[in-house]
Structure formats: structure tokens, C-alpha cells
Amino acid sequence: MENHEYSVGLDIGTTKIVAIVGRRNTHGKIEVLGVGTAKSLGVHKGIVNNISQTIQSIKAAVAQAQASSGVPIQKVTVGIAGKHIRSLQHSDYIMRENPDRFITDDDIDKLKDQVKQLVMLPGEEIIHVLPQEYKVDSQGEIQEPVGMHGTRLEANFHVVVGQMGSIRNIARCVREAGLEMEALTLEPLASSEAVLTKEEKEAGVAIVDIGGGTTDIAIFKDNIIRHTCVIPYGGGIITDDIKEGCSIIEKHAEKLKVNFGSAVPELEKDSTFVTIPGLHGRPDKEISLKTLAQIVNARVEEILEMVNTELKAYGAFEQKKKLIAGIVLTGGGSNLRHLRQLANYTTGFDSRIGFANEYVTNDKSQHLKGPEYATAIGLLMESLKIRDKKNVPEKVEEKEEAKTAQKIEVHTEENTLQDIVSKEELAGQNNATRRNKLTIGQKIMESVKKFFEEVE
């Protein structure tokens, strides 16, 4: 299989690293060819804090993905998150040199490149420059300016910024794992590609991706990205709370959370207990599920209050900015029982759990449609988009060459026709001249005849 036929998404998370290989089928859906997962040992709250361990984890995940897919992995699209991520709004414009020509993708790229030259805080680097709305001369609220005519091209941008050191560390880990980083994508944007519908993005929706180390948020309205942020708390801190609150080891705390955890204590019975085995001959522990739910609830409520703060910062409670489609919860943390009910109550918005059902096709990959794989699937989709864009120019060039050849043929035919017409016209003119000359000769002969007749 040729390299351009498939793409790879690499999710470097706090709890696990996922490498997923796939391609787009004839119906436009994602066909997963292989997947590899490895425990993430060198990442804390979305930030690499141990280079060598992260490299080993990436290698393990990629090797597994290569083995299951049967294809070599060279280029990957990588996700980034972490508390160092921030976003800002910026407006900029360019004056076009040839306003008589219509606006092209090159003009938009030129405007984006100009925004990328913005001076950030020391140690920061721009990750994404996302256009929101365009303005051509005096006409505003344009979503697609390509093909229009105008002198001044202006746009509002959502700019995502991160710490240069964190970005460089991710790039180094990928490079030393023997891979090439094709693109770096903000994780909530990738997750939104996998689980949100176009209708939700148009109506207004917030995706809340609860990972192991962070909770990532992206807000869409009118099919435009409006707000992004990263909260430095995720499912991992809930596990830590259970470990401390119940005085048990991390492995048991994680199992308790996954198998018995609940976000709403009122829905648990006081009389229900779960037994945790003791360590090295020590007596077993019995833990009330209601007590467990109270520990979980305290931390989940704190995270949801932070989500609420971000929704207010965007203006989600204003009529014009209202999120009609509510909230979509995804990420491994969204598997927590009764989380959706608590989110509805805390935020006042309807919510659902986000699965990648709409975009992933294979029946054999049903487990990959779960919310815990949303980011990895989204990164794969982003990688496929990049490949599609790279393939388009080649097709365009072929079409342009064909058009040019046709133009040359038509031009040649036109020249031939013009030559024929010119020759015909010239021949006609010569014939007319000849006719004129004969007429003059005849007149002279008639004059001579008349002269001799008069003499006689």
C-alpha cells in the first residue's frame, strides 16, 4: 500500500499513548487499518516531563499499530494539550496588488502568514491561526471569500498559542522515535472533528473532552470556532482523590473509579459495599459506594464549575451566543456513571456523550468508537485532510495543463481558420481588382473604336 493512501494519528495523552492508522473509503468514512496503545509514562497533565520514557511509549504504540495494520508508519499528526495552551482573538488585513483578479487560496494563506508573525509573550509560539469571518472591502460576514473580487481582504482569527518548550519537547520525542511530525493539532479541535456534527456546530455546541490529565474545551457557533481552552484537571486527579480518601493503592483506586464510580451520590445506596484486597496479608477493606460517589462528586463538580466559567467567558448564556446543541462530553473521563446528569444540572445545558459513530466504518473497530478514542480518531481525520489537500494541487495542475493544451489547440485552430479566411479575402480582393482592371481595359478599347469610327 502506498504511503499517500493512509494516514496516522498519534495521541500523546497523560494516561495512554494511541497510534491509529486509517484511510478514507469510497463512501468518505474512516476505515481503521490498525491501532496501537501503550501506557504513557513520561507525560503529566498533557505536558512531557520525561523525554526518554515518552519516546519509549511512542515507539511501543507505533510498533503495535504497524503490526496490526501491516503498513510502515513514517508521518504522524500529533495532538497537543496542557495548561500552557491559551487562545486569543485577532483581526488583520492585507491589500491585494491585483484587485481585478478574484481572491484565491494564496491570498488567504498570505493573510494567515501575516497573523503568524504576531509577537507573542516570551517563550510562546503560535500553534493555530483559525479564520472565523472574512470582510472584503466594505462587505462583511463572509465565510468563504475565494472567488470574490476586492482590494482589501480582512478577517477575524482565533489564534491558539502554546509554550515553545512544550511544543519542542513533543517534536523531539516524535523525531527520536523515528517519525516525522506532519502536523500539530490542538486536541479539543481533533476531538470535535470526530464526535460533533455540522448541525451541532451551526446551532452552537461546546465539546468537553475529559482526558487523564486535562479537560479540553472547544466552543462552536455558526460553524465557526469561537473559544478554546485547557483545564489542568482530568480523570487522573479523581483517581488520586479516591486513593487518598480510601487509603488504597492507585491501581485499586482506578479500578474502583472505572467499575463503580458515580458522579451523583444520591443515586447510590448506603448498604452497598465493594471489597478491596489487603496488601501482603493485611485485612481486606470494605468501601461504601456512596462514600466513593461523594469523593468522585466533589472533584467532578469542581471540574464542571471550571467548565461553566469558560462558558460564561465566551458568553454562552447570552441569547445571541446561546449553545442550542448544548454540551458534548467525550474523552475517557466521560465514561463515568451519571456524569451527564450532573453536567446537565451544573451547567444548565443538555448534554450527550460523544462517540465517533458517524465517521468510523469498520464493525471490527467498534471499541475505537468509544469516547476514550475520540482524540485519536480526530487526529487521524486531520491527517487525512492534510493528505487530501496535498493531493488536490496535483489534480488541479493536471486540469490546468489539460485546459492549456485545449487552449493551444483552439488557438491553433483559430489561427488556421483566420489564415483560411484571410486567404479567401485576399483572393476575393484580387478577383475584384482583376474585374476592375478588365472593365478599364474594355473602356479604353471602346474609346479607341469610337475614335477610329469618327475618323472614318
Protein backbone atom coordinates (compact mmCIF):
# COMPACT_ATOMS: atom_id res chain seq x y z
CA MET A 1 0.00 0.00 0.00
CA GLU A 2 1.36 3.40 -0.98
CA ASN A 3 2.07 5.90 1.78
CA HIS A 4 -0.39 8.51 0.47
CA GLU A 5 -3.31 6.05 0.76
CA TYR A 6 -3.36 6.08 4.57
CA SER A 7 -2.66 8.44 7.46
CA VAL A 8 -1.70 8.17 11.12
CA GLY A 9 -2.91 10.00 14.22
CA LEU A 10 -0.76 9.99 17.36
CA ASP A 11 -2.43 10.93 20.66
CA ILE A 12 0.20 11.56 23.34
CA GLY A 13 -2.00 11.54 26.42
CA THR A 14 -1.37 11.59 30.16
CA THR A 15 -2.59 8.03 30.79
CA LYS A 16 -2.05 6.36 27.41
CA ILE A 17 -0.46 6.91 24.00
CA VAL A 18 -2.51 5.84 20.99
CA ALA A 19 -1.30 5.44 17.39
CA ILE A 20 -4.10 4.83 14.89
CA VAL A 21 -3.71 4.05 11.17
CA GLY A 22 -6.56 4.54 8.72
CA ARG A 23 -7.77 5.65 5.32
CA ARG A 24 -10.91 7.06 3.76
CA ASN A 25 -13.16 4.59 1.94
CA THR A 26 -15.23 5.23 -1.19
CA HIS A 27 -18.14 6.47 0.96
CA GLY A 28 -15.95 9.06 2.71
CA LYS A 29 -15.90 7.27 6.06
CA ILE A 30 -12.81 6.35 8.08
CA GLU A 31 -11.58 2.79 7.72
CA VAL A 32 -9.26 1.91 10.60
CA LEU A 33 -6.41 -0.34 9.49
CA GLY A 34 -4.66 -0.75 12.83
CA VAL A 35 -4.23 0.70 16.29
CA GLY A 36 -1.57 0.57 18.98
CA THR A 37 -1.76 1.66 22.62
CA ALA A 38 0.90 1.98 25.29
CA LYS A 39 0.90 3.23 28.86
CA SER A 40 2.06 6.84 28.98
CA LEU A 41 4.92 7.11 31.47
CA GLY A 42 6.51 10.49 30.71
CA VAL A 43 3.52 12.85 30.41
CA HIS A 44 1.91 14.84 33.23
CA LYS A 45 -1.24 16.93 32.67
CA GLY A 46 -0.67 16.88 28.93
CA ILE A 47 2.95 18.06 29.17
CA VAL A 48 6.04 15.90 28.51
CA ASN A 49 8.13 15.73 31.69
CA ASN A 50 10.31 12.73 30.82
CA ILE A 51 11.71 12.64 27.28
CA SER A 52 13.17 9.11 27.27
CA GLN A 53 10.07 7.46 28.78
CA THR A 54 7.79 9.27 26.33
CA ILE A 55 9.94 8.16 23.38
CA GLN A 56 9.73 4.53 24.55
CA SER A 57 5.94 4.76 24.95
CA ILE A 58 5.56 6.27 21.46
CA LYS A 59 7.75 3.53 19.96
CA ALA A 60 5.68 0.83 21.68
CA ALA A 61 2.36 2.26 20.46
CA VAL A 62 3.63 2.76 16.90
CA ALA A 63 5.16 -0.73 16.72
CA GLN A 64 1.82 -2.23 17.78
CA ALA A 65 -0.04 -0.12 15.21
CA GLN A 66 2.38 -1.18 12.45
CA ALA A 67 1.98 -4.84 13.38
CA SER A 68 -1.83 -4.70 13.39
CA SER A 69 -2.13 -2.63 10.19
CA GLY A 70 0.67 -4.23 8.20
CA VAL A 71 1.89 -0.87 6.89
CA PRO A 72 5.02 1.17 7.74
CA ILE A 73 4.47 4.34 9.77
CA GLN A 74 6.60 7.37 8.91
CA LYS A 75 4.50 10.54 9.22
CA VAL A 76 2.09 11.29 12.07
CA THR A 77 -0.34 14.05 13.04
CA VAL A 78 0.18 14.74 16.74
CA GLY A 79 -2.17 16.19 19.35
CA ILE A 80 -1.19 18.82 21.91
CA ALA A 81 -2.85 19.96 25.14
CA GLY A 82 -1.73 21.19 28.55
CA LYS A 83 -2.34 24.11 30.87
CA HIS A 84 0.17 26.22 28.86
CA ILE A 85 -2.33 26.46 25.97
CA ARG A 86 -4.20 29.74 25.60
CA SER A 87 -6.21 31.43 22.86
CA LEU A 88 -6.86 34.99 21.71
CA GLN A 89 -8.89 36.88 19.11
CA HIS A 90 -7.13 38.96 16.45
CA SER A 91 -8.17 40.93 13.35
CA ASP A 92 -5.84 41.59 10.42
CA TYR A 93 -5.95 42.53 6.74
CA ILE A 94 -3.94 42.68 3.52
CA MET A 95 -4.20 45.00 0.50
CA ARG A 96 -4.27 42.96 -2.71
CA GLU A 97 -1.98 44.04 -5.55
CA ASN A 98 -4.31 42.88 -8.31
CA PRO A 99 -7.90 43.66 -7.26
CA ASP A 100 -9.10 42.88 -10.80
CA ARG A 101 -8.29 39.23 -10.18
CA PHE A 102 -10.55 37.21 -7.88
CA ILE A 103 -9.44 36.15 -4.37
CA THR A 104 -7.60 32.81 -4.21
CA ASP A 105 -6.32 30.46 -1.51
CA ASP A 106 -2.93 32.13 -1.92
CA ASP A 107 -4.42 35.43 -0.69
CA ILE A 108 -5.87 33.70 2.38
CA ASP A 109 -2.54 31.96 3.07
CA LYS A 110 -0.78 35.33 2.79
CA LEU A 111 -3.17 36.79 5.37
CA LYS A 112 -2.68 33.80 7.70
CA ASP A 113 1.11 34.07 7.36
CA GLN A 114 0.87 37.73 8.33
CA VAL A 115 -1.02 36.77 11.51
CA LYS A 116 1.63 34.14 12.30
CA GLN A 117 4.16 36.98 12.54
CA LEU A 118 2.41 38.37 15.63
CA VAL A 119 4.73 38.95 18.57
CA MET A 120 3.71 36.66 21.44
CA LEU A 121 4.84 36.61 25.06
CA PRO A 122 8.43 35.40 25.61
CA GLY A 123 8.66 31.64 25.15
CA GLU A 124 5.31 31.34 23.35
CA GLU A 125 4.60 30.09 19.84
CA ILE A 126 1.51 30.16 17.63
CA ILE A 127 0.01 26.70 17.04
CA HIS A 128 -3.14 27.53 15.06
CA VAL A 129 -4.45 30.52 13.11
CA LEU A 130 -8.15 29.77 12.59
CA PRO A 131 -10.20 32.16 10.41
CA GLN A 132 -13.66 32.98 11.75
CA GLU A 133 -15.22 35.58 9.44
CA TYR A 134 -13.89 37.50 6.44
CA LYS A 135 -14.52 41.01 5.15
CA VAL A 136 -13.87 42.06 1.55
CA ASP A 137 -13.71 45.85 1.17
CA SER A 138 -16.93 47.04 2.85
CA GLN A 139 -18.76 43.70 2.73
CA GLY A 140 -18.61 41.71 5.98
CA GLU A 141 -19.78 38.38 7.47
CA ILE A 142 -18.23 36.36 4.64
CA GLN A 143 -17.28 32.74 5.40
CA GLU A 144 -15.76 31.87 2.01
CA PRO A 145 -14.10 34.78 0.16
CA VAL A 146 -12.43 32.66 -2.54
CA GLY A 147 -13.73 33.69 -5.97
CA MET A 148 -14.77 37.18 -4.90
CA HIS A 149 -13.26 40.45 -6.15
CA GLY A 150 -11.86 43.13 -3.85
CA THR A 151 -8.85 45.18 -2.80
CA ARG A 152 -8.86 44.82 0.99
CA LEU A 153 -9.13 41.32 2.46
CA GLU A 154 -9.73 41.31 6.21
CA ALA A 155 -10.53 38.54 8.72
CA ASN A 156 -11.15 37.80 12.39
CA PHE A 157 -8.93 35.00 13.68
CA HIS A 158 -8.96 32.63 16.63
CA VAL A 159 -5.27 32.22 17.48
CA VAL A 160 -4.11 29.27 19.62
CA VAL A 161 -0.81 29.75 21.44
CA GLY A 162 1.39 27.38 23.45
CA GLN A 163 4.71 27.31 25.27
CA MET A 164 7.60 26.89 22.86
CA GLY A 165 9.41 24.49 25.21
CA SER A 166 6.43 22.11 25.45
CA ILE A 167 5.98 22.14 21.66
CA ARG A 168 9.71 21.48 21.11
CA ASN A 169 9.66 18.58 23.60
CA ILE A 170 6.79 16.88 21.77
CA ALA A 171 8.55 17.39 18.43
CA ARG A 172 11.77 15.93 19.80
CA CYS A 173 10.02 12.85 21.21
CA VAL A 174 8.32 12.19 17.88
CA ARG A 175 11.55 12.73 15.93
CA GLU A 176 13.66 10.49 18.17
CA ALA A 177 11.01 7.79 17.96
CA GLY A 178 11.90 7.67 14.25
CA LEU A 179 8.84 9.55 13.00
CA GLU A 180 8.13 12.76 11.11
CA MET A 181 5.57 15.15 12.60
CA GLU A 182 3.26 16.06 9.71
CA ALA A 183 1.16 18.47 11.79
CA LEU A 184 0.49 19.54 15.38
CA THR A 185 -3.20 19.88 16.31
CA LEU A 186 -4.92 21.13 19.44
CA GLU A 187 -6.61 18.08 20.96
CA PRO A 188 -10.12 19.53 21.53
CA LEU A 189 -10.20 20.56 17.86
CA ALA A 190 -9.29 17.00 16.88
CA SER A 191 -11.93 15.53 19.20
CA SER A 192 -14.56 17.87 17.77
CA GLU A 193 -13.83 16.54 14.27
CA ALA A 194 -14.56 13.01 15.48
CA VAL A 195 -17.73 13.48 17.56
CA LEU A 196 -19.52 16.70 16.54
CA THR A 197 -21.97 17.02 13.65
CA LYS A 198 -22.21 20.01 11.29
CA GLU A 199 -25.69 20.74 12.66
CA GLU A 200 -24.34 20.95 16.22
CA LYS A 201 -21.52 23.28 15.17
CA GLU A 202 -24.02 25.51 13.42
CA ALA A 203 -26.51 25.56 16.30
CA GLY A 204 -23.84 26.19 18.94
CA VAL A 205 -22.11 23.49 20.96
CA ALA A 206 -19.30 23.03 23.49
CA ILE A 207 -17.18 19.90 23.39
CA VAL A 208 -15.76 18.96 26.80
CA ASP A 209 -13.00 16.35 26.41
CA ILE A 210 -12.17 14.87 29.83
CA GLY A 211 -8.81 13.16 29.49
CA GLY A 212 -6.47 11.69 32.06
CA GLY A 213 -4.57 14.90 32.85
CA THR A 214 -6.61 17.74 31.33
CA THR A 215 -10.14 18.72 30.37
CA ASP A 216 -10.12 20.36 26.95
CA ILE A 217 -12.90 22.67 25.73
CA ALA A 218 -13.81 23.95 22.27
CA ILE A 219 -16.91 26.04 21.55
CA PHE A 220 -18.51 26.34 18.09
CA LYS A 221 -21.28 28.63 16.85
CA ASP A 222 -22.44 29.19 13.23
CA ASN A 223 -19.90 26.56 12.12
CA ILE A 224 -17.08 28.77 13.45
CA ILE A 225 -14.64 28.04 16.27
CA ARG A 226 -15.32 30.64 18.95
CA HIS A 227 -13.37 29.62 22.05
CA THR A 228 -10.78 27.05 23.15
CA CYS A 229 -9.12 26.36 26.48
CA VAL A 230 -7.47 23.63 28.56
CA ILE A 231 -8.34 22.98 32.22
CA PRO A 232 -5.42 21.28 34.05
CA TYR A 233 -7.61 18.64 35.72
CA GLY A 234 -8.90 15.35 34.34
CA GLY A 235 -9.75 11.80 35.31
CA GLY A 236 -6.33 11.25 36.88
CA ILE A 237 -6.98 13.65 39.74
CA ILE A 238 -10.24 11.80 40.55
CA THR A 239 -8.20 8.60 40.86
CA ASP A 240 -5.76 10.41 43.18
CA ASP A 241 -8.67 11.60 45.36
CA ILE A 242 -10.01 8.04 45.67
CA LYS A 243 -6.52 6.76 46.52
CA GLU A 244 -6.13 9.32 49.30
CA GLY A 245 -9.73 9.22 50.53
CA CYS A 246 -9.92 5.44 50.76
CA SER A 247 -6.24 4.83 51.66
CA ILE A 248 -5.66 2.36 48.83
CA ILE A 249 -3.09 2.00 46.06
CA GLU A 250 -3.50 3.70 42.68
CA LYS A 251 -4.27 0.50 40.76
CA HIS A 252 -7.23 -0.29 43.03
CA ALA A 253 -8.39 3.34 43.00
CA GLU A 254 -8.50 3.35 39.19
CA LYS A 255 -10.49 0.10 39.11
CA LEU A 256 -12.93 1.47 41.68
CA LYS A 257 -13.47 4.62 39.62
CA VAL A 258 -13.95 2.77 36.33
CA ASN A 259 -16.17 -0.05 37.61
CA PHE A 260 -18.13 1.54 40.47
CA GLY A 261 -17.59 5.31 40.34
CA SER A 262 -20.60 7.64 40.13
CA ALA A 263 -20.88 11.42 39.84
CA VAL A 264 -24.17 11.56 41.82
CA PRO A 265 -24.02 10.19 45.42
CA GLU A 266 -27.82 10.39 45.84
CA LEU A 267 -28.21 7.58 43.30
CA GLU A 268 -26.08 5.17 45.37
CA LYS A 269 -27.28 3.05 48.30
CA ASP A 270 -25.69 3.25 51.76
CA SER A 271 -25.85 -0.51 52.11
CA THR A 272 -23.77 -1.32 49.01
CA PHE A 273 -20.09 -2.06 49.59
CA VAL A 274 -17.16 -3.21 47.49
CA THR A 275 -14.23 -5.18 48.89
CA ILE A 276 -10.62 -4.21 48.17
CA PRO A 277 -7.97 -6.90 48.79
CA GLY A 278 -5.44 -6.12 51.52
CA LEU A 279 -1.72 -5.78 50.84
CA HIS A 280 0.64 -8.61 51.81
CA GLY A 281 -1.71 -10.44 54.16
CA ARG A 282 -3.36 -7.36 55.61
CA PRO A 283 -7.14 -7.49 56.06
CA ASP A 284 -9.42 -6.58 53.14
CA LYS A 285 -11.11 -3.18 53.01
CA GLU A 286 -14.80 -2.58 52.50
CA ILE A 287 -15.69 0.71 50.85
CA SER A 288 -19.21 2.09 50.61
CA LEU A 289 -20.24 3.02 47.07
CA LYS A 290 -21.98 6.08 48.48
CA THR A 291 -18.71 7.22 50.08
CA LEU A 292 -16.92 6.54 46.80
CA ALA A 293 -19.51 8.60 44.91
CA GLN A 294 -19.11 11.50 47.35
CA ILE A 295 -15.35 11.57 46.73
CA VAL A 296 -15.86 11.45 42.96
CA ASN A 297 -18.66 14.03 43.04
CA ALA A 298 -16.57 16.64 44.87
CA ARG A 299 -13.87 16.67 42.19
CA VAL A 300 -16.22 16.35 39.20
CA GLU A 301 -18.28 19.30 40.44
CA GLU A 302 -15.09 21.36 40.67
CA ILE A 303 -14.16 20.49 37.07
CA LEU A 304 -17.68 21.27 35.83
CA GLU A 305 -17.63 24.63 37.62
CA MET A 306 -14.42 25.45 35.72
CA VAL A 307 -16.20 24.44 32.51
CA ASN A 308 -19.06 26.76 33.49
CA THR A 309 -16.58 29.61 33.99
CA GLU A 310 -15.26 29.11 30.45
CA LEU A 311 -18.81 29.00 29.05
CA LYS A 312 -19.53 32.31 30.76
CA ALA A 313 -16.26 33.79 29.46
CA TYR A 314 -17.42 33.01 25.93
CA GLY A 315 -20.92 34.35 26.62
CA ALA A 316 -22.82 31.08 26.21
CA PHE A 317 -25.65 32.33 28.42
CA GLU A 318 -26.35 35.33 26.17
CA GLN A 319 -29.21 34.94 23.70
CA LYS A 320 -27.10 35.59 20.57
CA LYS A 321 -24.33 33.21 21.66
CA LYS A 322 -26.57 30.55 23.18
CA LEU A 323 -25.43 26.96 22.68
CA ILE A 324 -28.59 25.41 21.26
CA ALA A 325 -26.94 21.97 20.90
CA GLY A 326 -25.65 22.14 24.49
CA ILE A 327 -22.58 20.17 25.57
CA VAL A 328 -20.93 17.04 24.16
CA LEU A 329 -18.89 15.12 26.74
CA THR A 330 -16.09 12.93 25.42
CA GLY A 331 -12.71 11.50 26.45
CA GLY A 332 -12.14 8.60 28.82
CA GLY A 333 -13.48 10.60 31.78
CA SER A 334 -16.91 10.84 30.17
CA ASN A 335 -17.44 7.11 30.81
CA LEU A 336 -18.06 7.95 34.48
CA ARG A 337 -21.58 6.92 35.51
CA HIS A 338 -24.17 9.71 35.92
CA LEU A 339 -21.73 12.36 34.64
CA ARG A 340 -24.21 13.53 32.03
CA GLN A 341 -26.92 14.13 34.63
CA LEU A 342 -24.55 16.14 36.81
CA ALA A 343 -23.35 18.17 33.80
CA ASN A 344 -26.96 18.99 32.89
CA TYR A 345 -27.65 20.17 36.43
CA THR A 346 -24.41 22.14 36.90
CA THR A 347 -24.30 23.94 33.55
CA GLY A 348 -27.99 24.20 32.70
CA PHE A 349 -27.32 22.80 29.20
CA ASP A 350 -28.42 19.48 27.75
CA SER A 351 -25.52 17.13 27.19
CA ARG A 352 -24.69 13.87 25.46
CA ILE A 353 -21.73 11.51 25.36
CA GLY A 354 -19.69 11.90 22.16
CA PHE A 355 -18.88 8.79 20.12
CA ALA A 356 -17.18 8.61 16.72
CA ASN A 357 -20.04 6.50 15.27
CA GLU A 358 -20.77 8.78 12.34
CA TYR A 359 -17.27 8.73 10.88
CA VAL A 360 -15.78 5.29 11.64
CA THR A 361 -16.98 2.45 9.44
CA ASN A 362 -15.41 -0.89 10.45
CA ASP A 363 -17.50 -3.24 12.55
CA LYS A 364 -14.25 -4.80 13.80
CA SER A 365 -13.27 -1.44 15.33
CA GLN A 366 -16.37 -0.93 17.48
CA HIS A 367 -14.27 -0.34 20.61
CA LEU A 368 -12.50 2.55 18.83
CA LYS A 369 -15.80 4.42 18.60
CA GLY A 370 -15.76 4.91 22.39
CA PRO A 371 -15.19 8.42 23.79
CA GLU A 372 -11.74 7.47 25.07
CA TYR A 373 -10.52 7.20 21.45
CA ALA A 374 -12.20 10.40 20.19
CA THR A 375 -8.96 12.42 20.11
CA ALA A 376 -7.01 9.70 18.29
CA ILE A 377 -9.77 9.31 15.68
CA GLY A 378 -9.91 13.10 15.29
CA LEU A 379 -6.15 13.30 14.73
CA LEU A 380 -6.43 10.59 12.08
CA MET A 381 -9.18 12.63 10.37
CA GLU A 382 -7.00 15.76 10.49
CA SER A 383 -4.11 13.80 8.95
CA LEU A 384 -6.37 12.57 6.14
CA LYS A 385 -7.49 16.15 5.48
CA ILE A 386 -3.85 17.21 5.11
CA ARG A 387 -3.24 14.38 2.64
CA ASP A 388 -6.36 15.31 0.67
CA LYS A 389 -5.22 18.94 0.39
CA LYS A 390 -1.79 17.84 -0.82
CA ASN A 391 -3.36 15.64 -3.49
CA VAL A 392 -5.72 18.38 -4.74
CA PRO A 393 -2.99 20.67 -6.22
CA GLU A 394 -1.67 17.77 -8.31
CA LYS A 395 -5.14 17.21 -9.79
CA VAL A 396 -5.60 20.94 -10.30
CA GLU A 397 -2.26 21.13 -12.12
CA GLU A 398 -3.31 18.24 -14.37
CA LYS A 399 -6.60 20.00 -15.15
CA GLU A 400 -4.79 23.28 -15.81
CA GLU A 401 -2.36 21.51 -18.15
CA ALA A 402 -5.29 19.92 -20.00
CA LYS A 403 -7.03 23.30 -20.23
CA THR A 404 -3.82 24.91 -21.52
CA ALA A 405 -3.44 22.17 -24.13
CA GLN A 406 -7.06 22.68 -25.19
CA LYS A 407 -6.49 26.43 -25.41
CA ILE A 408 -3.40 25.89 -27.57
CA GLU A 409 -5.38 23.56 -29.86
CA VAL A 410 -8.28 26.00 -30.07
CA HIS A 411 -5.85 28.88 -30.66
CA THR A 412 -4.13 26.90 -33.43
CA GLU A 413 -7.49 26.09 -34.99
CA GLU A 414 -8.49 29.75 -34.76
CA ASN A 415 -5.22 30.79 -36.41
CA THR A 416 -5.77 28.23 -39.18
CA LEU A 417 -9.30 29.49 -39.71
CA GLN A 418 -8.05 33.06 -39.69
CA ASP A 419 -5.39 32.14 -42.28
CA ILE A 420 -8.03 30.49 -44.49
CA VAL A 421 -10.37 33.46 -44.12
CA SER A 422 -7.51 35.88 -44.83
CA LYS A 423 -6.50 33.94 -47.95
CA GLU A 424 -10.11 33.83 -49.13
CA GLU A 425 -10.49 37.55 -48.52
CA LEU A 426 -7.20 38.25 -50.36
CA ALA A 427 -8.27 36.07 -53.28
CA GLY A 428 -11.60 37.91 -53.36
CA GLN A 429 -9.83 41.24 -53.34
CA ASN A 430 -7.53 40.10 -56.21
CA ASN A 431 -10.50 38.91 -58.23
CA ALA A 432 -12.28 42.22 -57.61
CA THR A 433 -9.14 44.09 -58.71
CA ARG A 434 -8.94 41.94 -61.80
CA ARG A 435 -12.57 42.65 -62.55
CA ASN A 436 -11.90 46.36 -62.09
CA LYS A 437 -8.85 46.17 -64.42
CA LEU A 438 -10.82 44.38 -67.16
CA THR A 439 -13.50 46.98 -67.00
CA ILE A 440 -10.95 49.81 -67.53
CA GLY A 441 -9.38 47.97 -70.49
CA GLN A 442 -12.74 47.50 -72.03
CA LYS A 443 -13.43 51.23 -71.64
CA ILE A 444 -10.14 52.11 -73.42
CA MET A 445 -10.93 49.75 -76.28
CA GLU A 446 -14.37 51.30 -76.64
CA SER A 447 -12.80 54.80 -76.71
CA VAL A 448 -10.30 53.73 -79.44
CA LYS A 449 -13.09 52.18 -81.51
CA LYS A 450 -15.12 55.37 -81.26
CA PHE A 451 -12.07 57.45 -82.31
CA PHE A 452 -11.47 55.38 -85.48
CA GLU A 453 -15.18 55.39 -86.31
CA GLU A 454 -15.21 59.21 -86.12
CA VAL A 455 -12.08 59.45 -88.35
CA GLU A 456 -13.68 57.26 -90.97
